[in-house]
Protein backbone atom coordinates (compact mmCIF):
# COMPACT_ATOMS: atom_id res chain seq x y z
CA MET A 1 -9.07 -22.51 -33.96
CA ASP A 2 -9.94 -22.94 -30.30
CA ALA A 3 -9.30 -19.24 -29.66
CA SER A 4 -11.50 -18.33 -32.65
CA ARG A 5 -14.28 -20.54 -31.29
CA ARG A 6 -14.08 -18.83 -27.90
CA THR A 7 -14.19 -15.44 -29.59
CA ILE A 8 -17.24 -16.27 -31.72
CA ARG A 9 -19.13 -17.87 -28.82
CA SER A 10 -18.54 -14.84 -26.63
CA LEU A 11 -19.76 -12.47 -29.36
CA LEU A 12 -22.91 -14.52 -29.95
CA GLU A 13 -23.62 -14.84 -26.23
CA ALA A 14 -23.26 -11.06 -25.90
CA GLY A 15 -25.80 -10.53 -28.70
CA ALA A 16 -23.72 -9.83 -31.81
CA GLY A 17 -26.04 -9.48 -34.79
CA SER A 18 -23.60 -10.05 -37.63
CA ILE A 19 -20.14 -11.66 -37.55
CA LEU A 20 -17.74 -11.93 -40.48
CA TYR A 21 -14.86 -14.39 -40.09
CA VAL A 22 -11.92 -14.04 -42.48
CA ASP A 23 -10.20 -17.34 -43.24
CA ASP A 24 -6.80 -16.08 -44.43
CA THR A 25 -5.57 -18.34 -47.28
CA GLY A 26 -7.84 -21.11 -46.04
CA GLU A 27 -5.64 -21.76 -43.02
CA ALA A 28 -7.90 -20.37 -40.29
CA GLY A 29 -10.45 -23.20 -40.26
CA GLY A 30 -13.20 -21.43 -42.16
CA ASP A 31 -15.02 -24.66 -43.09
CA GLU A 32 -15.15 -25.80 -39.47
CA ILE A 33 -16.32 -22.38 -38.32
CA ALA A 34 -19.06 -22.35 -40.97
CA ARG A 35 -20.31 -25.79 -39.85
CA GLU A 36 -20.19 -24.98 -36.14
CA PHE A 37 -21.58 -21.44 -36.40
CA PRO A 38 -23.99 -21.29 -39.37
CA SER A 39 -24.90 -17.64 -38.68
CA VAL A 40 -21.28 -16.52 -39.16
CA ASN A 41 -20.35 -15.22 -42.61
CA VAL A 42 -17.02 -16.83 -43.58
CA VAL A 43 -14.82 -15.14 -46.19
CA ARG A 44 -11.87 -17.12 -47.57
CA THR A 45 -8.85 -15.52 -49.22
CA THR A 46 -6.46 -17.06 -51.73
CA SER A 47 -3.44 -15.04 -50.61
CA PRO A 48 -2.40 -13.61 -47.24
CA VAL A 49 -4.24 -10.42 -46.28
CA TRP A 50 -3.01 -10.21 -42.67
CA TRP A 51 -4.87 -8.25 -39.99
CA THR A 52 -5.51 -5.00 -41.84
CA GLY A 53 -6.56 -6.72 -45.06
CA ALA A 54 -9.02 -8.86 -43.10
CA ILE A 55 -10.48 -5.75 -41.50
CA VAL A 56 -10.88 -4.13 -44.94
CA LEU A 57 -12.77 -7.20 -46.19
CA GLY A 58 -15.12 -6.88 -43.23
CA ILE A 59 -15.68 -3.20 -43.92
CA GLN A 60 -16.47 -3.89 -47.56
CA ALA A 61 -18.99 -6.57 -46.58
CA ALA A 62 -20.66 -4.21 -44.09
CA ARG A 63 -20.88 -1.42 -46.64
CA GLY A 64 -22.41 -3.80 -49.16
CA GLY A 65 -25.29 -4.43 -46.76
CA SER A 66 -27.38 -2.35 -44.42
CA ASP A 67 -24.93 -2.09 -41.50
CA ASP A 68 -24.28 1.43 -40.24
CA ALA A 69 -21.11 0.58 -38.30
CA VAL A 70 -18.39 -2.06 -38.00
CA LEU A 71 -16.52 -3.40 -35.01
CA PHE A 72 -12.85 -4.27 -35.54
CA PHE A 73 -12.03 -7.50 -33.70
CA ASN A 74 -9.32 -10.14 -33.21
CA GLN A 75 -9.54 -13.91 -33.04
CA ASP A 76 -7.83 -14.05 -29.61
CA VAL A 77 -10.25 -11.76 -27.75
CA THR A 78 -13.49 -12.52 -25.92
CA CYS A 79 -16.07 -10.07 -24.66
CA ALA A 80 -18.05 -9.64 -21.46
CA LYS A 81 -21.72 -10.65 -21.63
CA ASP A 82 -22.84 -7.01 -21.28
CA TYR A 83 -20.30 -5.80 -23.87
CA PHE A 84 -22.73 -4.63 -26.56
CA GLU A 85 -25.06 -3.09 -24.01
CA LYS A 86 -22.23 -0.96 -22.60
CA LEU A 87 -20.86 -0.12 -26.04
CA ALA A 88 -24.31 0.89 -27.34
CA ASP A 89 -24.68 3.31 -24.44
CA ALA A 90 -21.36 4.99 -25.30
CA VAL A 91 -22.30 5.12 -29.00
CA SER A 92 -25.65 6.78 -28.26
CA LYS A 93 -23.94 9.47 -26.18
CA ASN A 94 -21.11 10.06 -28.69
CA PRO A 95 -22.57 9.86 -32.21
CA GLY A 96 -20.03 9.77 -35.03
CA ALA A 97 -17.10 8.87 -32.77
CA LEU A 98 -14.60 6.05 -32.99
CA ILE A 99 -15.05 4.16 -29.72
CA GLY A 100 -12.52 1.69 -28.40
CA SER A 101 -12.81 -0.91 -25.68
CA ALA A 102 -11.01 -1.54 -22.41
CA VAL A 103 -8.98 -4.72 -22.94
CA MET A 104 -8.08 -6.89 -19.95
CA TYR A 105 -5.57 -9.70 -19.71
CA ALA A 106 -7.52 -12.96 -20.15
CA GLN A 107 -4.89 -14.50 -17.88
CA GLU A 108 -5.61 -11.85 -15.24
CA PRO A 109 -9.03 -10.28 -15.88
CA ALA A 110 -8.67 -7.63 -13.18
CA ARG A 111 -5.60 -6.12 -14.91
CA VAL A 112 -5.69 -3.81 -17.94
CA TRP A 113 -3.82 -4.78 -21.09
CA SER A 114 -4.85 -1.61 -22.96
CA ALA A 115 -7.38 1.19 -22.81
CA GLY A 116 -6.52 3.22 -25.88
CA GLY A 117 -3.19 4.83 -26.58
CA ALA A 118 -1.32 8.12 -26.71
CA VAL A 119 1.51 9.43 -28.88
CA GLU A 120 4.39 11.50 -27.48
CA TRP A 121 6.35 12.68 -30.49
CA TRP A 122 9.00 14.23 -28.21
CA GLY A 123 9.02 11.52 -25.58
CA ARG A 124 8.38 7.81 -25.46
CA GLY A 125 6.57 7.81 -28.79
CA ILE A 126 3.71 5.29 -28.96
CA ARG A 127 2.17 4.60 -25.56
CA VAL A 128 -0.51 2.20 -24.33
CA LEU A 129 -2.80 3.85 -21.80
CA HIS A 130 -3.39 2.15 -18.43
CA HIS A 131 -1.23 -0.84 -19.41
CA GLY A 132 -0.79 -3.10 -16.37
CA ALA A 133 -3.06 -1.01 -14.15
CA PRO A 134 -5.85 -2.50 -12.02
CA ALA A 135 -9.17 -2.52 -13.89
CA ALA A 136 -10.74 -0.75 -10.90
CA SER A 137 -8.52 2.29 -11.56
CA LEU A 138 -10.03 3.03 -14.98
CA PRO A 139 -12.19 6.16 -15.40
CA THR A 140 -15.92 5.64 -15.11
CA GLU A 141 -16.86 7.51 -18.32
CA PRO A 142 -15.59 7.41 -21.92
CA PHE A 143 -12.35 9.36 -22.29
CA PRO A 144 -10.30 10.65 -25.26
CA ALA A 145 -7.27 8.87 -26.69
CA ASP A 146 -4.89 9.51 -29.57
CA TRP A 147 -5.38 6.03 -31.03
CA LEU A 148 -7.28 2.79 -30.55
CA PHE A 149 -6.23 -0.83 -30.79
CA GLY A 150 -7.84 -2.82 -33.60
CA MET A 151 -9.53 -5.17 -31.17
CA GLY A 152 -12.91 -3.86 -30.13
CA THR A 153 -13.01 -0.58 -32.04
CA TYR A 154 -16.42 0.67 -33.18
CA VAL A 155 -16.39 2.71 -36.41
CA PRO A 156 -19.47 4.32 -38.06
CA VAL A 157 -19.43 3.52 -41.79
CA GLU A 158 -19.54 7.20 -42.76
CA VAL A 159 -16.03 7.54 -41.33
CA PHE A 160 -14.69 5.55 -44.28
CA ASP A 161 -16.22 8.07 -46.69
CA GLN A 162 -14.41 10.80 -44.81
CA ILE A 163 -10.92 9.33 -44.32
CA GLY A 164 -10.80 6.16 -46.43
CA MET A 165 -10.00 2.59 -45.47
CA PRO A 166 -7.29 1.29 -43.14
CA ASP A 167 -4.04 1.10 -45.13
CA ALA A 168 -3.55 -2.63 -45.72
CA ALA A 169 -0.79 -2.06 -48.27
CA ARG A 170 1.62 -0.20 -45.98
CA PHE A 171 0.48 -1.52 -42.60
CA PRO A 172 -0.54 -5.15 -43.23
CA MET A 173 -0.11 -6.17 -39.59
CA ALA A 174 1.63 -3.51 -37.48
CA TRP A 175 0.13 -0.09 -36.74
CA GLY A 176 -2.73 -0.11 -39.25
CA ASP A 177 -5.01 0.67 -36.30
CA LEU A 178 -2.73 3.49 -35.13
CA ASP A 179 -2.55 5.09 -38.59
CA PHE A 180 -6.33 4.84 -39.01
CA SER A 181 -6.98 6.40 -35.59
CA LEU A 182 -4.58 9.29 -36.20
CA ARG A 183 -6.17 10.00 -39.59
CA ALA A 184 -9.60 10.05 -37.94
CA LYS A 185 -8.43 12.42 -35.23
CA GLN A 186 -6.80 14.73 -37.78
CA ALA A 187 -10.16 14.84 -39.61
CA GLY A 188 -11.88 16.04 -36.43
CA ILE A 189 -13.55 12.72 -35.60
CA PRO A 190 -13.65 12.05 -31.84
CA VAL A 191 -11.52 9.09 -30.72
CA LEU A 192 -12.74 7.71 -27.38
CA VAL A 193 -12.31 4.71 -25.10
CA ASP A 194 -15.32 3.25 -23.29
CA PRO A 195 -13.95 1.77 -20.04
CA ALA A 196 -17.23 -0.07 -19.42
CA ALA A 197 -16.99 -2.10 -22.66
CA ARG A 198 -14.69 -4.90 -21.52
CA LEU A 199 -12.74 -7.40 -23.60
CA PHE A 200 -10.35 -10.15 -22.52
CA HIS A 201 -7.21 -10.69 -24.59
CA GLU A 202 -5.34 -14.00 -24.67
CA VAL A 203 -1.99 -12.24 -24.68
CA GLY A 204 0.88 -14.12 -26.32
CA ASP A 205 4.61 -14.36 -25.72
CA TYR A 206 5.22 -10.84 -27.03
CA ASP A 207 4.10 -9.52 -23.63
CA ALA A 208 6.78 -9.73 -20.97
CA ARG A 209 4.20 -9.72 -18.17
CA VAL A 210 2.89 -13.05 -19.50
CA ALA A 211 5.98 -14.77 -20.93
CA GLY A 212 8.90 -12.97 -19.36
CA ALA A 213 11.33 -10.69 -21.18
CA PRO A 214 12.55 -11.87 -24.60
CA ALA A 215 16.16 -12.49 -25.47
CA TRP A 216 17.95 -9.64 -27.22
CA LYS A 217 18.10 -11.60 -30.48
CA THR A 218 14.33 -12.10 -30.38
CA TYR A 219 13.71 -8.43 -29.56
CA ALA A 220 15.98 -7.29 -32.40
CA GLY A 221 14.19 -9.69 -34.75
CA TRP A 222 10.87 -8.11 -33.83
CA MET A 223 12.26 -4.67 -34.65
CA ALA A 224 13.31 -5.92 -38.10
CA ASP A 225 9.98 -7.67 -38.78
CA ASP A 226 7.67 -5.37 -40.75
CA LYS A 227 4.63 -7.20 -39.36
CA HIS A 228 5.52 -6.80 -35.69
CA ASN A 229 4.49 -3.81 -33.57
CA LEU A 230 8.15 -3.15 -32.80
CA SER A 231 8.92 -2.89 -36.54
CA LEU A 232 11.21 0.07 -37.18
CA SER A 233 10.06 0.31 -40.81
CA ALA A 234 6.40 0.58 -39.73
CA HIS A 235 7.43 3.13 -37.09
CA ALA A 236 9.22 5.18 -39.76
CA GLU A 237 6.11 5.28 -41.94
CA ILE A 238 3.97 6.43 -38.99
CA TRP A 239 6.48 9.14 -38.13
CA LYS A 240 6.73 10.34 -41.75
CA ARG A 241 2.95 10.53 -42.06
CA HIS A 242 2.01 11.94 -38.68
CA GLY A 243 5.12 13.06 -36.80
CA PRO A 244 6.66 16.52 -36.45
CA ARG A 245 7.11 18.00 -39.90
CA LEU A 246 10.76 18.08 -41.06
CA LEU A 247 11.90 17.00 -37.59
CA TRP A 248 10.33 13.55 -37.66
CA PRO A 249 13.72 11.73 -38.07
CA LEU A 250 14.90 13.24 -34.78
CA SER A 251 11.64 12.32 -33.07
CA LEU A 252 11.86 8.78 -34.47
CA ALA A 253 15.44 8.47 -33.20
CA MET A 254 14.16 9.28 -29.71
CA ARG A 255 11.62 6.48 -30.10
CA ALA A 256 14.34 4.02 -31.15
CA VAL A 257 16.41 4.96 -28.08
CA PHE A 258 13.36 4.44 -25.88
CA LEU A 259 12.82 0.96 -27.35
CA MET A 260 16.40 0.04 -26.39
CA ILE A 261 15.93 1.36 -22.88
CA ASN A 262 12.59 -0.40 -22.62
CA PHE A 263 14.26 -3.72 -23.47
CA LEU A 264 16.57 -3.27 -20.48
CA ARG A 265 13.62 -2.26 -18.29
CA ILE A 266 11.54 -5.33 -19.06
CA ARG A 267 14.58 -7.58 -18.63
CA LEU A 268 14.86 -6.24 -15.08
CA LEU A 269 11.13 -6.27 -14.30
CA PHE A 270 10.11 -9.54 -15.95
CA PRO A 271 13.04 -12.00 -16.00
CA ARG A 272 12.26 -15.38 -17.49
């Protein structure tokens, strides 16, 4: 709840015109949010919808009104005071594009947590661009990416007519943003990152830079959890949909090997 309050306050202070807060199964404090922030539209669900389902509810609400775009957001992210000003400038110069944000560590605001992502089907697989780099090293102008994180991604509503909604059924929590971005790119829609639109992410214990490397049992559990970004089942669906035709199992195997090597790397770099 405290993180959600910080998120909403930052959006309002930056000039957000319309905020929809999804109270998943009534466990996210929707009543308190509604009392504290009367301008926020609170939607309550009776069953879990997870991240992607919550985003779909927001899209449906936006399309039922007069909004011409939506901004995907998370409850553990705050924005800079000039966030919408910077984002609006990128939108005006790149009409019709998906535009992502530069996300900093809230714990270390001068360090990048993510600035879009790339996919190397015959390499490391899913990559986060500029992860761990100094914020000062980011490009000065919007730049292309293969995919965008769900936090701070601007999407014109006409994109949903062209490629459909994020897939909440198959990707309830992990990689719904990746799948949506790749579908947009395949449809010829530009996918860009605006390095001037800054967010600050309260990164949790899944990030070794913040919490130290996990134990092997924890890491293996994440790979078996279909709602975690390390989920092998979610990876397999991404590779089947978007990876090298016929050869995707081999490409996916390379990704699995990389994940094992990466576990050893973070154990060396970020010991608890």
